[in-house]
N, C-alpha and C. Protein backbone atom coordinates (compact mmCIF):
# COMPACT_ATOMS: atom_id res chain seq x y z
N MET A 1 107.05 100.56 -18.21
CA MET A 1 106.83 101.89 -17.72
C MET A 1 108.15 102.58 -17.45
N GLY A 2 109.15 101.97 -17.06
CA GLY A 2 110.47 102.58 -16.91
C GLY A 2 110.52 103.74 -15.94
N ILE A 3 111.70 104.29 -15.79
CA ILE A 3 111.90 105.40 -14.88
C ILE A 3 111.27 106.65 -15.45
N GLY A 4 110.50 107.34 -14.63
CA GLY A 4 109.86 108.57 -15.06
C GLY A 4 108.69 108.36 -16.00
N GLY A 5 108.39 107.12 -16.30
CA GLY A 5 107.26 106.83 -17.18
C GLY A 5 105.94 107.07 -16.47
N GLU A 6 104.95 107.37 -17.24
CA GLU A 6 103.63 107.63 -16.66
C GLU A 6 102.81 106.35 -16.67
N LYS A 7 102.30 106.00 -15.50
CA LYS A 7 101.43 104.83 -15.41
C LYS A 7 100.02 105.24 -15.79
N LYS A 8 99.44 104.52 -16.69
CA LYS A 8 98.07 104.80 -17.08
C LYS A 8 97.14 103.89 -16.30
N GLY A 9 96.00 104.42 -15.92
CA GLY A 9 95.02 103.63 -15.19
C GLY A 9 94.46 102.52 -16.06
N LEU A 10 94.05 101.47 -15.43
CA LEU A 10 93.46 100.37 -16.17
C LEU A 10 92.03 100.72 -16.54
N ARG A 11 91.78 100.92 -17.80
CA ARG A 11 90.47 101.34 -18.30
C ARG A 11 89.40 100.30 -17.97
N GLU A 12 89.78 99.02 -18.01
CA GLU A 12 88.80 97.96 -17.74
C GLU A 12 88.30 98.04 -16.31
N ILE A 13 89.19 98.35 -15.38
CA ILE A 13 88.79 98.45 -13.97
C ILE A 13 87.81 99.61 -13.78
N ALA A 14 88.09 100.74 -14.41
CA ALA A 14 87.20 101.90 -14.31
C ALA A 14 85.83 101.57 -14.89
N GLN A 15 85.80 100.86 -16.02
CA GLN A 15 84.52 100.49 -16.63
C GLN A 15 83.77 99.49 -15.76
N THR A 16 84.49 98.59 -15.12
CA THR A 16 83.86 97.61 -14.23
C THR A 16 83.26 98.30 -13.01
N LYS A 17 83.97 99.28 -12.46
CA LYS A 17 83.45 100.04 -11.32
C LYS A 17 82.17 100.77 -11.70
N ALA A 18 82.17 101.40 -12.87
CA ALA A 18 80.98 102.13 -13.32
C ALA A 18 79.81 101.18 -13.53
N ALA A 19 80.07 100.01 -14.10
CA ALA A 19 79.01 99.03 -14.33
C ALA A 19 78.46 98.52 -12.99
N ALA A 20 79.33 98.32 -12.01
CA ALA A 20 78.89 97.86 -10.69
C ALA A 20 78.02 98.92 -10.02
N ARG A 21 78.37 100.18 -10.18
CA ARG A 21 77.56 101.27 -9.60
C ARG A 21 76.20 101.35 -10.27
N ASP A 22 76.16 101.15 -11.58
CA ASP A 22 74.88 101.14 -12.30
C ASP A 22 74.00 100.00 -11.80
N GLU A 23 74.61 98.85 -11.63
CA GLU A 23 73.86 97.68 -11.15
C GLU A 23 73.34 97.90 -9.73
N ALA A 24 74.15 98.53 -8.87
CA ALA A 24 73.72 98.80 -7.49
C ALA A 24 72.53 99.76 -7.49
N PHE A 25 72.54 100.76 -8.36
CA PHE A 25 71.43 101.70 -8.44
C PHE A 25 70.17 100.99 -8.91
N GLU A 26 70.30 100.11 -9.89
CA GLU A 26 69.14 99.35 -10.38
C GLU A 26 68.59 98.44 -9.29
N ARG A 27 69.46 97.91 -8.43
CA ARG A 27 68.99 97.09 -7.30
C ARG A 27 68.19 97.93 -6.31
N ILE A 28 68.57 99.20 -6.12
CA ILE A 28 67.79 100.09 -5.25
C ILE A 28 66.39 100.25 -5.82
N ILE A 29 66.30 100.44 -7.13
CA ILE A 29 64.99 100.61 -7.77
C ILE A 29 64.17 99.33 -7.64
N GLU A 30 64.80 98.18 -7.83
CA GLU A 30 64.09 96.91 -7.67
C GLU A 30 63.62 96.72 -6.23
N ARG A 31 64.42 97.16 -5.29
CA ARG A 31 64.04 97.05 -3.88
C ARG A 31 62.84 97.95 -3.57
N ILE A 32 62.78 99.11 -4.20
CA ILE A 32 61.63 100.00 -4.04
C ILE A 32 60.38 99.31 -4.57
N LYS A 33 60.49 98.72 -5.76
CA LYS A 33 59.34 98.04 -6.36
C LYS A 33 58.91 96.84 -5.53
N SER A 34 59.86 96.07 -5.00
CA SER A 34 59.51 94.89 -4.21
C SER A 34 58.93 95.25 -2.85
N SER A 35 59.16 96.49 -2.40
CA SER A 35 58.58 96.97 -1.13
C SER A 35 57.24 97.65 -1.36
N ASP A 36 56.62 97.38 -2.50
CA ASP A 36 55.33 97.96 -2.89
C ASP A 36 55.40 99.47 -3.11
N GLY A 37 56.56 99.95 -3.52
CA GLY A 37 56.69 101.35 -3.90
C GLY A 37 56.14 101.56 -5.29
N GLU A 38 55.48 102.69 -5.50
CA GLU A 38 54.89 103.00 -6.80
C GLU A 38 55.70 104.11 -7.46
N ILE A 39 56.37 103.78 -8.57
CA ILE A 39 57.19 104.76 -9.27
C ILE A 39 56.28 105.62 -10.14
N GLU A 40 56.33 106.93 -9.89
CA GLU A 40 55.47 107.87 -10.59
C GLU A 40 56.20 108.58 -11.73
N LYS A 41 57.52 108.72 -11.61
CA LYS A 41 58.28 109.44 -12.62
C LYS A 41 59.69 108.85 -12.68
N ASP A 42 60.20 108.64 -13.88
CA ASP A 42 61.55 108.16 -14.08
C ASP A 42 62.10 108.84 -15.33
N GLU A 43 62.90 109.87 -15.13
CA GLU A 43 63.39 110.67 -16.25
C GLU A 43 64.91 110.81 -16.19
N THR A 44 65.50 110.87 -17.36
CA THR A 44 66.94 111.09 -17.47
C THR A 44 67.17 112.34 -18.31
N HIS A 45 68.06 113.21 -17.80
CA HIS A 45 68.38 114.46 -18.48
C HIS A 45 69.90 114.62 -18.51
N PRO A 46 70.42 115.35 -19.50
CA PRO A 46 71.86 115.64 -19.51
C PRO A 46 72.19 116.71 -18.47
N LEU A 47 73.41 116.65 -17.93
CA LEU A 47 73.94 117.69 -17.03
C LEU A 47 74.85 118.58 -17.85
N TYR A 48 74.75 119.89 -17.63
CA TYR A 48 75.55 120.85 -18.37
C TYR A 48 76.34 121.73 -17.43
N THR A 49 77.44 122.29 -17.96
CA THR A 49 78.19 123.33 -17.28
C THR A 49 78.50 124.41 -18.31
N GLU A 50 78.72 125.61 -17.82
CA GLU A 50 78.99 126.73 -18.73
C GLU A 50 80.46 127.10 -18.69
N ILE A 51 81.00 127.36 -19.88
CA ILE A 51 82.33 127.93 -20.02
C ILE A 51 82.15 129.15 -20.90
N GLY A 52 82.25 130.31 -20.30
CA GLY A 52 81.98 131.54 -21.03
C GLY A 52 80.53 131.60 -21.45
N MET A 53 80.28 131.73 -22.73
CA MET A 53 78.93 131.81 -23.26
C MET A 53 78.44 130.46 -23.79
N GLU A 54 79.25 129.41 -23.63
CA GLU A 54 78.89 128.10 -24.17
C GLU A 54 78.53 127.12 -23.06
N GLU A 55 77.65 126.18 -23.40
CA GLU A 55 77.29 125.11 -22.47
C GLU A 55 77.85 123.80 -23.00
N PHE A 56 78.38 122.99 -22.07
CA PHE A 56 78.93 121.70 -22.44
C PHE A 56 78.31 120.62 -21.57
N GLU A 57 78.04 119.48 -22.18
CA GLU A 57 77.47 118.36 -21.44
C GLU A 57 78.57 117.68 -20.64
N ILE A 58 78.32 117.49 -19.34
CA ILE A 58 79.33 116.87 -18.47
C ILE A 58 78.85 115.55 -17.87
N GLY A 59 77.64 115.12 -18.22
CA GLY A 59 77.13 113.88 -17.66
C GLY A 59 75.63 113.79 -17.81
N SER A 60 75.02 113.05 -16.87
CA SER A 60 73.57 112.86 -16.93
C SER A 60 72.97 112.85 -15.52
N GLN A 61 71.68 113.11 -15.47
CA GLN A 61 70.94 113.11 -14.21
C GLN A 61 69.68 112.27 -14.40
N ARG A 62 69.44 111.37 -13.47
CA ARG A 62 68.23 110.55 -13.50
C ARG A 62 67.43 110.85 -12.24
N ILE A 63 66.18 111.21 -12.42
CA ILE A 63 65.30 111.55 -11.31
C ILE A 63 64.16 110.53 -11.27
N ILE A 64 64.01 109.90 -10.13
CA ILE A 64 62.94 108.93 -9.93
C ILE A 64 62.11 109.41 -8.75
N GLU A 65 60.83 109.62 -8.99
CA GLU A 65 59.90 109.98 -7.91
C GLU A 65 58.98 108.80 -7.68
N PHE A 66 58.82 108.46 -6.40
CA PHE A 66 58.00 107.30 -6.06
C PHE A 66 57.33 107.51 -4.72
N THR A 67 56.30 106.70 -4.48
CA THR A 67 55.57 106.73 -3.21
C THR A 67 55.78 105.39 -2.52
N LEU A 68 56.13 105.46 -1.25
CA LEU A 68 56.35 104.27 -0.44
C LEU A 68 55.76 104.53 0.94
N ASN A 69 54.84 103.69 1.37
CA ASN A 69 54.18 103.86 2.67
C ASN A 69 53.55 105.24 2.83
N LYS A 70 52.86 105.69 1.79
CA LYS A 70 52.15 106.98 1.75
C LYS A 70 53.07 108.19 1.91
N THR A 71 54.34 108.01 1.61
CA THR A 71 55.30 109.11 1.65
C THR A 71 55.92 109.26 0.27
N ASP A 72 56.03 110.49 -0.22
CA ASP A 72 56.64 110.76 -1.51
C ASP A 72 58.15 110.86 -1.35
N PHE A 73 58.87 110.22 -2.28
CA PHE A 73 60.33 110.25 -2.29
C PHE A 73 60.81 110.69 -3.65
N GLN A 74 62.01 111.27 -3.66
CA GLN A 74 62.67 111.64 -4.91
C GLN A 74 64.11 111.13 -4.82
N LEU A 75 64.48 110.26 -5.74
CA LEU A 75 65.82 109.70 -5.81
C LEU A 75 66.51 110.31 -7.02
N THR A 76 67.62 110.99 -6.79
CA THR A 76 68.34 111.65 -7.86
C THR A 76 69.73 111.05 -7.98
N ARG A 77 70.09 110.74 -9.21
CA ARG A 77 71.42 110.18 -9.46
C ARG A 77 72.12 111.03 -10.51
N ASN A 78 73.21 111.69 -10.10
CA ASN A 78 74.01 112.49 -11.02
C ASN A 78 75.27 111.71 -11.39
N VAL A 79 75.50 111.57 -12.68
CA VAL A 79 76.70 110.89 -13.17
C VAL A 79 77.50 111.92 -13.95
N GLU A 80 78.64 112.30 -13.40
CA GLU A 80 79.51 113.28 -14.07
C GLU A 80 80.65 112.54 -14.76
N THR A 81 80.74 112.71 -16.07
CA THR A 81 81.78 112.06 -16.85
C THR A 81 82.93 113.00 -17.20
N HIS A 82 82.70 114.31 -17.03
CA HIS A 82 83.72 115.31 -17.31
C HIS A 82 83.79 116.29 -16.14
N LEU A 83 84.95 116.90 -15.97
CA LEU A 83 85.20 117.84 -14.88
C LEU A 83 85.73 119.14 -15.47
N LEU A 84 85.26 120.25 -14.95
CA LEU A 84 85.73 121.56 -15.39
C LEU A 84 87.05 121.86 -14.70
N GLN A 85 88.09 122.15 -15.46
CA GLN A 85 89.43 122.38 -14.92
C GLN A 85 89.97 123.71 -15.44
N GLY A 86 90.94 124.26 -14.73
CA GLY A 86 91.68 125.42 -15.21
C GLY A 86 91.18 126.73 -14.64
N PRO A 87 92.08 127.71 -14.54
CA PRO A 87 91.71 129.03 -14.02
C PRO A 87 91.27 129.98 -15.13
N GLY A 88 90.41 130.91 -14.78
CA GLY A 88 90.02 132.01 -15.67
C GLY A 88 89.65 131.59 -17.08
N LYS A 89 90.35 132.20 -18.05
CA LYS A 89 90.05 131.94 -19.46
C LYS A 89 90.64 130.63 -19.96
N GLN A 90 91.35 129.93 -19.11
CA GLN A 90 91.97 128.67 -19.52
C GLN A 90 91.14 127.46 -19.10
N LYS A 91 89.88 127.69 -18.77
CA LYS A 91 89.01 126.59 -18.37
C LYS A 91 88.80 125.62 -19.53
N HIS A 92 88.76 124.35 -19.17
CA HIS A 92 88.53 123.31 -20.16
C HIS A 92 87.89 122.11 -19.47
N LEU A 93 87.33 121.23 -20.27
CA LEU A 93 86.73 120.01 -19.75
C LEU A 93 87.74 118.88 -19.82
N GLU A 94 87.77 118.11 -18.75
CA GLU A 94 88.66 116.96 -18.70
C GLU A 94 87.81 115.72 -18.42
N GLU A 95 87.97 114.68 -19.22
CA GLU A 95 87.19 113.46 -19.03
C GLU A 95 87.70 112.72 -17.79
N LEU A 96 86.77 112.29 -16.96
CA LEU A 96 87.11 111.54 -15.76
C LEU A 96 87.35 110.07 -16.13
N GLU A 97 88.34 109.46 -15.51
CA GLU A 97 88.62 108.05 -15.77
C GLU A 97 87.46 107.19 -15.29
N THR A 98 86.96 107.49 -14.09
CA THR A 98 85.80 106.81 -13.54
C THR A 98 84.74 107.86 -13.29
N PRO A 99 83.53 107.68 -13.78
CA PRO A 99 82.49 108.69 -13.57
C PRO A 99 82.25 108.96 -12.08
N ARG A 100 82.00 110.21 -11.75
CA ARG A 100 81.66 110.60 -10.39
C ARG A 100 80.15 110.47 -10.25
N ILE A 101 79.71 109.66 -9.30
CA ILE A 101 78.29 109.39 -9.14
C ILE A 101 77.83 109.87 -7.78
N ARG A 102 76.76 110.66 -7.78
CA ARG A 102 76.17 111.16 -6.53
C ARG A 102 74.71 110.75 -6.51
N ILE A 103 74.31 110.13 -5.39
CA ILE A 103 72.92 109.73 -5.22
C ILE A 103 72.35 110.51 -4.05
N ASN A 104 71.19 111.11 -4.26
CA ASN A 104 70.55 111.92 -3.24
C ASN A 104 69.10 111.46 -3.10
N LEU A 105 68.67 111.25 -1.87
CA LEU A 105 67.31 110.83 -1.60
C LEU A 105 66.63 111.90 -0.75
N LYS A 106 65.44 112.29 -1.18
CA LYS A 106 64.64 113.27 -0.44
C LYS A 106 63.26 112.70 -0.22
N LYS A 107 62.61 113.16 0.85
CA LYS A 107 61.23 112.75 1.08
C LYS A 107 60.38 113.98 1.35
N LYS A 108 59.10 113.81 1.08
CA LYS A 108 58.14 114.88 1.33
C LYS A 108 57.02 114.28 2.16
N SER A 109 56.79 114.85 3.32
CA SER A 109 55.74 114.31 4.19
C SER A 109 54.37 114.62 3.59
N PRO A 110 53.35 113.85 3.96
CA PRO A 110 52.02 114.04 3.36
C PRO A 110 51.41 115.42 3.60
N TYR A 111 51.85 116.12 4.63
CA TYR A 111 51.23 117.40 4.98
C TYR A 111 52.12 118.60 4.66
N SER A 112 53.15 118.40 3.87
CA SER A 112 54.08 119.47 3.58
C SER A 112 54.49 119.43 2.11
N GLU A 113 54.96 120.55 1.60
CA GLU A 113 55.46 120.62 0.24
C GLU A 113 56.99 120.71 0.20
N ASP A 114 57.62 120.67 1.37
CA ASP A 114 59.07 120.79 1.46
C ASP A 114 59.74 119.42 1.38
N TRP A 115 60.83 119.35 0.63
CA TRP A 115 61.62 118.12 0.52
C TRP A 115 62.68 118.13 1.61
N GLN A 116 62.92 116.98 2.22
CA GLN A 116 63.95 116.82 3.25
C GLN A 116 64.91 115.72 2.82
N ASN A 117 66.21 115.96 3.00
CA ASN A 117 67.19 114.93 2.68
C ASN A 117 67.06 113.76 3.64
N VAL A 118 67.23 112.56 3.10
CA VAL A 118 67.08 111.34 3.89
C VAL A 118 68.27 110.43 3.59
N ASP A 119 68.71 109.71 4.61
CA ASP A 119 69.74 108.70 4.42
C ASP A 119 69.11 107.52 3.70
N LEU A 120 69.77 107.01 2.68
CA LEU A 120 69.22 105.93 1.87
C LEU A 120 68.92 104.68 2.70
N ASP A 121 69.73 104.42 3.72
CA ASP A 121 69.52 103.24 4.57
C ASP A 121 68.26 103.36 5.42
N GLU A 122 67.83 104.57 5.74
CA GLU A 122 66.64 104.79 6.57
C GLU A 122 65.34 104.50 5.81
N MET A 123 65.40 104.49 4.49
CA MET A 123 64.18 104.32 3.70
C MET A 123 63.58 102.94 3.90
N PHE A 124 64.39 101.92 4.00
CA PHE A 124 63.89 100.55 4.13
C PHE A 124 63.98 100.16 5.57
């Protein structure tokens, strides 16, 4: 690397982190199933962002809706693989070394149509 050289991130470590996060999410789903949760919907969609008049794919979104103890839940996982960078007309997409993952859990009470955010640890 020498003086003034640029250190590049270890690609294997980033891939290992992403694989570990995928495995942790799958364990959450298995825990839901083992707690007698009934999965009603499991869909994956691409995530998009707009630059001018064009849309670009920046990752994926997985939505899982399930019922546990007579309460409806929605588990959303957003995986962003690209980030929008730059000011004004110089906007561009930059690939992230490690995907940015956001997990959101919501619940809907039996007598309401409104979703409320819930801490994932409170579910079990």
